[in-house]
Amino acid sequence: MAIYTLTYDLINENGSSNDYQELWNELERLNAHRVTESFWLINLGNTPKEVIEHFKSFTDKDDRLWVSSLRKNESWFINAKRGTNKWLKENPPS
């Protein structure tokens, strides 16, 4: 398993009408943790490319999606949402 950061910009150009609730439901289903409004931590046994491919189906083609792996001692944050420290303790980066 690897810890990934997943962040996005949801663009509403050209009258895009994607229901982003499905994206948030999928992140919650996978026990991801929301650190800020559009920044999540997720613990998966996939490659970053596989994670991107999976989540592309929940976004529009004009949206921006970024996935990267999180390594031990490389995480820094200030004023993250409640539960972030607990989530990281339960899902420690390797």
PDB file of N, CA and C in Angstrom:
ATOM      1  N   MET A   1       0.844  -1.175   0.000  1.00  0.00           N
ATOM      2  CA  MET A   1       0.000   0.000   0.000  1.00  0.00           C
ATOM      3  C   MET A   1       0.890   1.238   0.000  1.00  0.00           C
ATOM      4  N   ALA A   2       0.387   2.261  -0.613  1.00  0.00           N
ATOM      5  CA  ALA A   2       1.112   3.533  -0.673  1.00  0.00           C
ATOM      6  C   ALA A   2       0.159   4.662  -0.317  1.00  0.00           C
ATOM      7  N   ILE A   3       0.728   5.700   0.274  1.00  0.00           N
ATOM      8  CA  ILE A   3      -0.054   6.890   0.577  1.00  0.00           C
ATOM      9  C   ILE A   3       0.119   7.853  -0.591  1.00  0.00           C
ATOM     10  N   TYR A   4      -0.994   8.318  -1.116  1.00  0.00           N
ATOM     11  CA  TYR A   4      -0.975   9.282  -2.202  1.00  0.00           C
ATOM     12  C   TYR A   4      -1.656  10.566  -1.773  1.00  0.00           C
ATOM     13  N   THR A   5      -1.199  11.655  -2.358  1.00  0.00           N
ATOM     14  CA  THR A   5      -1.933  12.903  -2.261  1.00  0.00           C
ATOM     15  C   THR A   5      -2.736  13.015  -3.554  1.00  0.00           C
ATOM     16  N   LEU A   6      -3.949  13.459  -3.424  1.00  0.00           N
ATOM     17  CA  LEU A   6      -4.805  13.671  -4.596  1.00  0.00           C
ATOM     18  C   LEU A   6      -5.392  15.071  -4.448  1.00  0.00           C
ATOM     19  N   THR A   7      -5.185  15.885  -5.452  1.00  0.00           N
ATOM     20  CA  THR A   7      -5.731  17.228  -5.437  1.00  0.00           C
ATOM     21  C   THR A   7      -6.343  17.537  -6.790  1.00  0.00           C
ATOM     22  N   TYR A   8      -7.261  18.480  -6.808  1.00  0.00           N
ATOM     23  CA  TYR A   8      -7.963  18.784  -8.043  1.00  0.00           C
ATOM     24  C   TYR A   8      -8.408  20.233  -8.084  1.00  0.00           C
ATOM     25  N   ASP A   9      -8.601  20.716  -9.311  1.00  0.00           N
ATOM     26  CA  ASP A   9      -9.300  21.965  -9.595  1.00  0.00           C
ATOM     27  C   ASP A   9     -10.501  21.566 -10.428  1.00  0.00           C
ATOM     28  N   LEU A  10     -11.679  21.820  -9.923  1.00  0.00           N
ATOM     29  CA  LEU A  10     -12.899  21.481 -10.648  1.00  0.00           C
ATOM     30  C   LEU A  10     -13.322  22.722 -11.431  1.00  0.00           C
ATOM     31  N   ILE A  11     -13.140  22.650 -12.735  1.00  0.00           N
ATOM     32  CA  ILE A  11     -13.397  23.778 -13.629  1.00  0.00           C
ATOM     33  C   ILE A  11     -14.805  23.632 -14.187  1.00  0.00           C
ATOM     34  N   ASN A  12     -15.531  24.710 -14.205  1.00  0.00           N
ATOM     35  CA  ASN A  12     -16.892  24.658 -14.736  1.00  0.00           C
ATOM     36  C   ASN A  12     -16.971  25.490 -16.014  1.00  0.00           C
ATOM     37  N   GLU A  13     -16.141  25.133 -16.991  1.00  0.00           N
ATOM     38  CA  GLU A  13     -16.138  25.816 -18.278  1.00  0.00           C
ATOM     39  C   GLU A  13     -17.150  25.164 -19.213  1.00  0.00           C
ATOM     40  N   ASN A  14     -17.618  25.924 -20.155  1.00  0.00           N
ATOM     41  CA  ASN A  14     -18.523  25.409 -21.200  1.00  0.00           C
ATOM     42  C   ASN A  14     -19.760  24.749 -20.624  1.00  0.00           C
ATOM     43  N   GLY A  15     -20.262  25.260 -19.509  1.00  0.00           N
ATOM     44  CA  GLY A  15     -21.498  24.722 -18.952  1.00  0.00           C
ATOM     45  C   GLY A  15     -21.374  23.314 -18.424  1.00  0.00           C
ATOM     46  N   SER A  16     -20.175  22.913 -18.053  1.00  0.00           N
ATOM     47  CA  SER A  16     -19.954  21.585 -17.487  1.00  0.00           C
ATOM     48  C   SER A  16     -20.907  21.353 -16.330  1.00  0.00           C
ATOM     49  N   SER A  17     -21.432  20.146 -16.248  1.00  0.00           N
ATOM     50  CA  SER A  17     -22.428  19.885 -15.202  1.00  0.00           C
ATOM     51  C   SER A  17     -22.151  18.591 -14.449  1.00  0.00           C
ATOM     52  N   ASN A  18     -20.892  18.242 -14.295  1.00  0.00           N
ATOM     53  CA  ASN A  18     -20.558  17.017 -13.581  1.00  0.00           C
ATOM     54  C   ASN A  18     -21.037  17.113 -12.135  1.00  0.00           C
ATOM     55  N   ASP A  19     -21.555  16.008 -11.629  1.00  0.00           N
ATOM     56  CA  ASP A  19     -21.973  15.929 -10.236  1.00  0.00           C
ATOM     57  C   ASP A  19     -20.767  15.481  -9.418  1.00  0.00           C
ATOM     58  N   TYR A  20     -20.059  16.432  -8.810  1.00  0.00           N
ATOM     59  CA  TYR A  20     -18.834  16.108  -8.090  1.00  0.00           C
ATOM     60  C   TYR A  20     -19.095  15.371  -6.791  1.00  0.00           C
ATOM     61  N   GLN A  21     -20.332  15.275  -6.376  1.00  0.00           N
ATOM     62  CA  GLN A  21     -20.640  14.501  -5.174  1.00  0.00           C
ATOM     63  C   GLN A  21     -20.192  13.054  -5.356  1.00  0.00           C
ATOM     64  N   GLU A  22     -20.275  12.541  -6.588  1.00  0.00           N
ATOM     65  CA  GLU A  22     -19.815  11.172  -6.856  1.00  0.00           C
ATOM     66  C   GLU A  22     -18.308  11.043  -6.594  1.00  0.00           C
ATOM     67  N   LEU A  23     -17.531  12.068  -6.950  1.00  0.00           N
ATOM     68  CA  LEU A  23     -16.092  12.066  -6.677  1.00  0.00           C
ATOM     69  C   LEU A  23     -15.847  12.005  -5.178  1.00  0.00           C
ATOM     70  N   TRP A  24     -16.517  12.862  -4.433  1.00  0.00           N
ATOM     71  CA  TRP A  24     -16.329  12.900  -2.981  1.00  0.00           C
ATOM     72  C   TRP A  24     -16.809  11.611  -2.323  1.00  0.00           C
ATOM     73  N   ASN A  25     -17.902  11.041  -2.828  1.00  0.00           N
ATOM     74  CA  ASN A  25     -18.375   9.759  -2.296  1.00  0.00           C
ATOM     75  C   ASN A  25     -17.345   8.660  -2.516  1.00  0.00           C
ATOM     76  N   GLU A  26     -16.711   8.658  -3.698  1.00  0.00           N
ATOM     77  CA  GLU A  26     -15.707   7.637  -3.998  1.00  0.00           C
ATOM     78  C   GLU A  26     -14.488   7.800  -3.090  1.00  0.00           C
ATOM     79  N   LEU A  27     -14.055   9.017  -2.874  1.00  0.00           N
ATOM     80  CA  LEU A  27     -12.935   9.249  -1.968  1.00  0.00           C
ATOM     81  C   LEU A  27     -13.281   8.770  -0.561  1.00  0.00           C
ATOM     82  N   GLU A  28     -14.468   9.058  -0.101  1.00  0.00           N
ATOM     83  CA  GLU A  28     -14.894   8.606   1.225  1.00  0.00           C
ATOM     84  C   GLU A  28     -15.034   7.084   1.273  1.00  0.00           C
ATOM     85  N   ARG A  29     -15.532   6.486   0.189  1.00  0.00           N
ATOM     86  CA  ARG A  29     -15.662   5.025   0.134  1.00  0.00           C
ATOM     87  C   ARG A  29     -14.295   4.359   0.290  1.00  0.00           C
ATOM     88  N   LEU A  30     -13.267   4.990  -0.264  1.00  0.00           N
ATOM     89  CA  LEU A  30     -11.909   4.454  -0.193  1.00  0.00           C
ATOM     90  C   LEU A  30     -11.175   4.898   1.071  1.00  0.00           C
ATOM     91  N   ASN A  31     -11.927   5.484   2.010  1.00  0.00           N
ATOM     92  CA  ASN A  31     -11.386   5.914   3.297  1.00  0.00           C
ATOM     93  C   ASN A  31     -10.291   6.964   3.143  1.00  0.00           C
ATOM     94  N   ALA A  32     -10.419   7.819   2.142  1.00  0.00           N
ATOM     95  CA  ALA A  32      -9.479   8.933   1.974  1.00  0.00           C
ATOM     96  C   ALA A  32      -9.774   9.973   3.046  1.00  0.00           C
ATOM     97  N   HIS A  33      -8.801  10.823   3.281  1.00  0.00           N
ATOM     98  CA  HIS A  33      -8.961  11.882   4.283  1.00  0.00           C
ATOM     99  C   HIS A  33      -8.802  13.232   3.595  1.00  0.00           C
ATOM    100  N   ARG A  34      -9.768  14.119   3.818  1.00  0.00           N
ATOM    101  CA  ARG A  34      -9.727  15.461   3.236  1.00  0.00           C
ATOM    102  C   ARG A  34      -8.891  16.361   4.139  1.00  0.00           C
ATOM    103  N   VAL A  35      -7.768  16.854   3.598  1.00  0.00           N
ATOM    104  CA  VAL A  35      -6.862  17.719   4.342  1.00  0.00           C
ATOM    105  C   VAL A  35      -7.284  19.176   4.193  1.00  0.00           C
ATOM    106  N   THR A  36      -7.590  19.581   2.962  1.00  0.00           N
ATOM    107  CA  THR A  36      -8.141  20.903   2.674  1.00  0.00           C
ATOM    108  C   THR A  36      -9.290  20.689   1.690  1.00  0.00           C
ATOM    109  N   GLU A  37      -9.877  21.745   1.205  1.00  0.00           N
ATOM    110  CA  GLU A  37     -11.069  21.600   0.360  1.00  0.00           C
ATOM    111  C   GLU A  37     -10.859  20.707  -0.859  1.00  0.00           C
ATOM    112  N   SER A  38      -9.696  20.758  -1.483  1.00  0.00           N
ATOM    113  CA  SER A  38      -9.487  19.940  -2.677  1.00  0.00           C
ATOM    114  C   SER A  38      -8.197  19.118  -2.599  1.00  0.00           C
ATOM    115  N   PHE A  39      -7.767  18.802  -1.391  1.00  0.00           N
ATOM    116  CA  PHE A  39      -6.539  18.032  -1.179  1.00  0.00           C
ATOM    117  C   PHE A  39      -6.856  16.870  -0.254  1.00  0.00           C
ATOM    118  N   TRP A  40      -6.588  15.656  -0.739  1.00  0.00           N
ATOM    119  CA  TRP A  40      -6.929  14.443   0.000  1.00  0.00           C
ATOM    120  C   TRP A  40      -5.698  13.572   0.170  1.00  0.00           C
ATOM    121  N   LEU A  41      -5.696  12.758   1.230  1.00  0.00           N
ATOM    122  CA  LEU A  41      -4.729  11.681   1.429  1.00  0.00           C
ATOM    123  C   LEU A  41      -5.475  10.374   1.239  1.00  0.00           C
ATOM    124  N   ILE A  42      -4.837   9.436   0.531  1.00  0.00           N
ATOM    125  CA  ILE A  42      -5.500   8.161   0.257  1.00  0.00           C
ATOM    126  C   ILE A  42      -4.466   7.039   0.293  1.00  0.00           C
ATOM    127  N   ASN A  43      -4.831   5.913   0.878  1.00  0.00           N
ATOM    128  CA  ASN A  43      -3.951   4.762   1.047  1.00  0.00           C
ATOM    129  C   ASN A  43      -4.434   3.665   0.093  1.00  0.00           C
ATOM    130  N   LEU A  44      -3.668   3.423  -0.975  1.00  0.00           N
ATOM    131  CA  LEU A  44      -4.083   2.459  -1.995  1.00  0.00           C
ATOM    132  C   LEU A  44      -2.921   1.576  -2.432  1.00  0.00           C
ATOM    133  N   GLY A  45      -3.249   0.436  -2.975  1.00  0.00           N
ATOM    134  CA  GLY A  45      -2.257  -0.478  -3.523  1.00  0.00           C
ATOM    135  C   GLY A  45      -2.159  -0.347  -5.033  1.00  0.00           C
ATOM    136  N   ASN A  46      -2.231   0.859  -5.541  1.00  0.00           N
ATOM    137  CA  ASN A  46      -2.185   1.122  -6.975  1.00  0.00           C
ATOM    138  C   ASN A  46      -1.006   2.034  -7.287  1.00  0.00           C
ATOM    139  N   THR A  47      -0.692   2.159  -8.583  1.00  0.00           N
ATOM    140  CA  THR A  47       0.314   3.125  -9.012  1.00  0.00           C
ATOM    141  C   THR A  47      -0.353   4.495  -9.136  1.00  0.00           C
ATOM    142  N   PRO A  48       0.432   5.574  -9.130  1.00  0.00           N
ATOM    143  CA  PRO A  48      -0.166   6.896  -9.315  1.00  0.00           C
ATOM    144  C   PRO A  48      -0.975   6.981 -10.615  1.00  0.00           C
ATOM    145  N   LYS A  49      -0.457   6.376 -11.682  1.00  0.00           N
ATOM    146  CA  LYS A  49      -1.186   6.407 -12.961  1.00  0.00           C
ATOM    147  C   LYS A  49      -2.543   5.706 -12.828  1.00  0.00           C
ATOM    148  N   GLU A  50      -2.592   4.561 -12.136  1.00  0.00           N
ATOM    149  CA  GLU A  50      -3.856   3.859 -11.942  1.00  0.00           C
ATOM    150  C   GLU A  50      -4.832   4.699 -11.113  1.00  0.00           C
ATOM    151  N   VAL A  51      -4.307   5.409 -10.139  1.00  0.00           N
ATOM    152  CA  VAL A  51      -5.161   6.272  -9.311  1.00  0.00           C
ATOM    153  C   VAL A  51      -5.752   7.385 -10.180  1.00  0.00           C
ATOM    154  N   ILE A  52      -4.907   8.014 -10.994  1.00  0.00           N
ATOM    155  CA  ILE A  52      -5.389   9.070 -11.897  1.00  0.00           C
ATOM    156  C   ILE A  52      -6.454   8.511 -12.840  1.00  0.00           C
ATOM    157  N   GLU A  53      -6.178   7.378 -13.446  1.00  0.00           N
ATOM    158  CA  GLU A  53      -7.133   6.781 -14.387  1.00  0.00           C
ATOM    159  C   GLU A  53      -8.469   6.503 -13.712  1.00  0.00           C
ATOM    160  N   HIS A  54      -8.430   6.021 -12.498  1.00  0.00           N
ATOM    161  CA  HIS A  54      -9.667   5.737 -11.779  1.00  0.00           C
ATOM    162  C   HIS A  54     -10.466   7.010 -11.520  1.00  0.00           C
ATOM    163  N   PHE A  55      -9.793   8.031 -11.021  1.00  0.00           N
ATOM    164  CA  PHE A  55     -10.509   9.242 -10.641  1.00  0.00           C
ATOM    165  C   PHE A  55     -10.876  10.128 -11.825  1.00  0.00           C
ATOM    166  N   LYS A  56     -10.256   9.916 -12.977  1.00  0.00           N
ATOM    167  CA  LYS A  56     -10.650  10.669 -14.172  1.00  0.00           C
ATOM    168  C   LYS A  56     -12.118  10.443 -14.509  1.00  0.00           C
ATOM    169  N   SER A  57     -12.624   9.269 -14.185  1.00  0.00           N
ATOM    170  CA  SER A  57     -14.022   8.963 -14.513  1.00  0.00           C
ATOM    171  C   SER A  57     -15.010   9.768 -13.661  1.00  0.00           C
ATOM    172  N   PHE A  58     -14.511  10.430 -12.628  1.00  0.00           N
ATOM    173  CA  PHE A  58     -15.374  11.223 -11.748  1.00  0.00           C
ATOM    174  C   PHE A  58     -15.258  12.723 -12.025  1.00  0.00           C
ATOM    175  N   THR A  59     -14.460  13.086 -13.022  1.00  0.00           N
ATOM    176  CA  THR A  59     -14.248  14.493 -13.329  1.00  0.00           C
ATOM    177  C   THR A  59     -14.510  14.759 -14.810  1.00  0.00           C
ATOM    178  N   ASP A  60     -14.597  16.038 -15.149  1.00  0.00           N
ATOM    179  CA  ASP A  60     -14.746  16.442 -16.547  1.00  0.00           C
ATOM    180  C   ASP A  60     -13.370  16.589 -17.180  1.00  0.00           C
ATOM    181  N   LYS A  61     -13.323  16.594 -18.516  1.00  0.00           N
ATOM    182  CA  LYS A  61     -12.029  16.665 -19.188  1.00  0.00           C
ATOM    183  C   LYS A  61     -11.329  18.003 -18.984  1.00  0.00           C
ATOM    184  N   ASP A  62     -12.042  19.047 -18.600  1.00  0.00           N
ATOM    185  CA  ASP A  62     -11.383  20.332 -18.354  1.00  0.00           C
ATOM    186  C   ASP A  62     -10.934  20.488 -16.891  1.00  0.00           C
ATOM    187  N   ASP A  63     -11.269  19.548 -16.027  1.00  0.00           N
ATOM    188  CA  ASP A  63     -10.830  19.589 -14.638  1.00  0.00           C
ATOM    189  C   ASP A  63      -9.351  19.214 -14.552  1.00  0.00           C
ATOM    190  N   ARG A  64      -8.716  19.649 -13.476  1.00  0.00           N
ATOM    191  CA  ARG A  64      -7.312  19.305 -13.246  1.00  0.00           C
ATOM    192  C   ARG A  64      -7.234  18.316 -12.093  1.00  0.00           C
ATOM    193  N   LEU A  65      -6.383  17.304 -12.262  1.00  0.00           N
ATOM    194  CA  LEU A  65      -6.241  16.253 -11.264  1.00  0.00           C
ATOM    195  C   LEU A  65      -4.752  15.975 -11.089  1.00  0.00           C
ATOM    196  N   TRP A  66      -4.296  15.899  -9.832  1.00  0.00           N
ATOM    197  CA  TRP A  66      -2.882  15.645  -9.537  1.00  0.00           C
ATOM    198  C   TRP A  66      -2.785  14.564  -8.473  1.00  0.00           C
ATOM    199  N   VAL A  67      -1.930  13.566  -8.717  1.00  0.00           N
ATOM    200  CA  VAL A  67      -1.682  12.507  -7.750  1.00  0.00           C
ATOM    201  C   VAL A  67      -0.174  12.378  -7.582  1.00  0.00           C
ATOM    202  N   SER A  68       0.261  12.249  -6.345  1.00  0.00           N
ATOM    203  CA  SER A  68       1.668  12.005  -6.092  1.00  0.00           C
ATOM    204  C   SER A  68       1.803  11.194  -4.813  1.00  0.00           C
ATOM    205  N   SER A  69       2.896  10.453  -4.700  1.00  0.00           N
ATOM    206  CA  SER A  69       3.083   9.619  -3.510  1.00  0.00           C
ATOM    207  C   SER A  69       3.644  10.454  -2.367  1.00  0.00           C
ATOM    208  N   LEU A  70       3.327  10.034  -1.169  1.00  0.00           N
ATOM    209  CA  LEU A  70       3.786  10.704   0.046  1.00  0.00           C
ATOM    210  C   LEU A  70       4.786   9.789   0.735  1.00  0.00           C
ATOM    211  N   ARG A  71       5.927  10.297   1.052  1.00  0.00           N
ATOM    212  CA  ARG A  71       6.973   9.509   1.701  1.00  0.00           C
ATOM    213  C   ARG A  71       7.127   9.941   3.155  1.00  0.00           C
ATOM    214  N   LYS A  72       7.657   9.051   3.953  1.00  0.00           N
ATOM    215  CA  LYS A  72       7.886   9.337   5.366  1.00  0.00           C
ATOM    216  C   LYS A  72       8.781  10.571   5.515  1.00  0.00           C
ATOM    217  N   ASN A  73       8.438  11.386   6.496  1.00  0.00           N
ATOM    218  CA  ASN A  73       9.174  12.604   6.817  1.00  0.00           C
ATOM    219  C   ASN A  73       9.144  13.647   5.705  1.00  0.00           C
ATOM    220  N   GLU A  74       8.221  13.542   4.785  1.00  0.00           N
ATOM    221  CA  GLU A  74       8.084  14.542   3.736  1.00  0.00           C
ATOM    222  C   GLU A  74       6.733  15.219   3.785  1.00  0.00           C
ATOM    223  N   SER A  75       6.048  15.156   4.907  1.00  0.00           N
ATOM    224  CA  SER A  75       4.729  15.767   4.990  1.00  0.00           C
ATOM    225  C   SER A  75       4.768  16.977   5.907  1.00  0.00           C
ATOM    226  N   TRP A  76       4.269  18.082   5.416  1.00  0.00           N
ATOM    227  CA  TRP A  76       4.222  19.321   6.169  1.00  0.00           C
ATOM    228  C   TRP A  76       2.876  19.960   5.950  1.00  0.00           C
ATOM    229  N   PHE A  77       2.283  20.435   7.002  1.00  0.00           N
ATOM    230  CA  PHE A  77       1.006  21.116   6.845  1.00  0.00           C
ATOM    231  C   PHE A  77       0.755  22.029   8.025  1.00  0.00           C
ATOM    232  N   ILE A  78      -0.099  22.985   7.805  1.00  0.00           N
ATOM    233  CA  ILE A  78      -0.528  23.884   8.856  1.00  0.00           C
ATOM    234  C   ILE A  78      -2.040  24.060   8.707  1.00  0.00           C
ATOM    235  N   ASN A  79      -2.741  24.011   9.806  1.00  0.00           N
ATOM    236  CA  ASN A  79      -4.194  24.180   9.806  1.00  0.00           C
ATOM    237  C   ASN A  79      -4.922  23.193   8.901  1.00  0.00           C
ATOM    238  N   ALA A  80      -4.458  21.968   8.851  1.00  0.00           N
ATOM    239  CA  ALA A  80      -5.183  20.935   8.104  1.00  0.00           C
ATOM    240  C   ALA A  80      -6.493  20.643   8.832  1.00  0.00           C
ATOM    241  N   LYS A  81      -7.427  20.046   8.119  1.00  0.00           N
ATOM    242  CA  LYS A  81      -8.710  19.713   8.723  1.00  0.00           C
ATOM    243  C   LYS A  81      -8.528  18.738   9.876  1.00  0.00           C
ATOM    244  N   ARG A  82      -9.467  18.794  10.802  1.00  0.00           N
ATOM    245  CA  ARG A  82      -9.442  17.910  11.966  1.00  0.00           C
ATOM    246  C   ARG A  82      -9.363  16.451  11.515  1.00  0.00           C
ATOM    247  N   GLY A  83      -8.555  15.698  12.180  1.00  0.00           N
ATOM    248  CA  GLY A  83      -8.411  14.277  11.895  1.00  0.00           C
ATOM    249  C   GLY A  83      -7.216  13.944  11.023  1.00  0.00           C
ATOM    250  N   THR A  84      -6.532  14.959  10.465  1.00  0.00           N
ATOM    251  CA  THR A  84      -5.401  14.684   9.569  1.00  0.00           C
ATOM    252  C   THR A  84      -4.281  13.966  10.294  1.00  0.00           C
ATOM    253  N   ASN A  85      -3.891  14.434  11.474  1.00  0.00           N
ATOM    254  CA  ASN A  85      -2.817  13.761  12.227  1.00  0.00           C
ATOM    255  C   ASN A  85      -3.212  12.329  12.562  1.00  0.00           C
ATOM    256  N   LYS A  86      -4.457  12.131  12.972  1.00  0.00           N
ATOM    257  CA  LYS A  86      -4.940  10.785  13.300  1.00  0.00           C
ATOM    258  C   LYS A  86      -4.885   9.894  12.065  1.00  0.00           C
ATOM    259  N   TRP A  87      -5.330  10.420  10.905  1.00  0.00           N
ATOM    260  CA  TRP A  87      -5.321   9.630   9.666  1.00  0.00           C
ATOM    261  C   TRP A  87      -3.902   9.237   9.309  1.00  0.00           C
ATOM    262  N   LEU A  88      -2.953  10.176   9.400  1.00  0.00           N
ATOM    263  CA  LEU A  88      -1.566   9.871   9.077  1.00  0.00           C
ATOM    264  C   LEU A  88      -0.976   8.858  10.053  1.00  0.00           C
ATOM    265  N   LYS A  89      -1.365   8.941  11.320  1.00  0.00           N
ATOM    266  CA  LYS A  89      -0.876   7.969  12.309  1.00  0.00           C
ATOM    267  C   LYS A  89      -1.402   6.577  11.981  1.00  0.00           C
ATOM    268  N   GLU A  90      -2.652   6.479  11.528  1.00  0.00           N
ATOM    269  CA  GLU A  90      -3.248   5.195  11.187  1.00  0.00           C
ATOM    270  C   GLU A  90      -2.807   4.693   9.825  1.00  0.00           C
ATOM    271  N   ASN A  91      -2.305   5.565   8.967  1.00  0.00           N
ATOM    272  CA  ASN A  91      -1.862   5.236   7.609  1.00  0.00           C
ATOM    273  C   ASN A  91      -0.475   5.847   7.376  1.00  0.00           C
ATOM    274  N   PRO A  92       0.539   5.380   8.097  1.00  0.00           N
ATOM    275  CA  PRO A  92       1.852   6.029   8.007  1.00  0.00           C
ATOM    276  C   PRO A  92       2.506   5.831   6.642  1.00  0.00           C
ATOM    277  N   PRO A  93       3.060   6.926   6.086  1.00  0.00           N
ATOM    278  CA  PRO A  93       3.808   6.781   4.832  1.00  0.00           C
ATOM    279  C   PRO A  93       5.037   5.910   5.057  1.00  0.00           C
ATOM    280  N   SER A  94       5.455   5.208   4.025  1.00  0.00           N
ATOM    281  CA  SER A  94       6.642   4.341   4.170  1.00  0.00           C
ATOM    282  C   SER A  94       7.898   5.070   3.762  1.00  0.00           C
TER     283      SER A  94
END
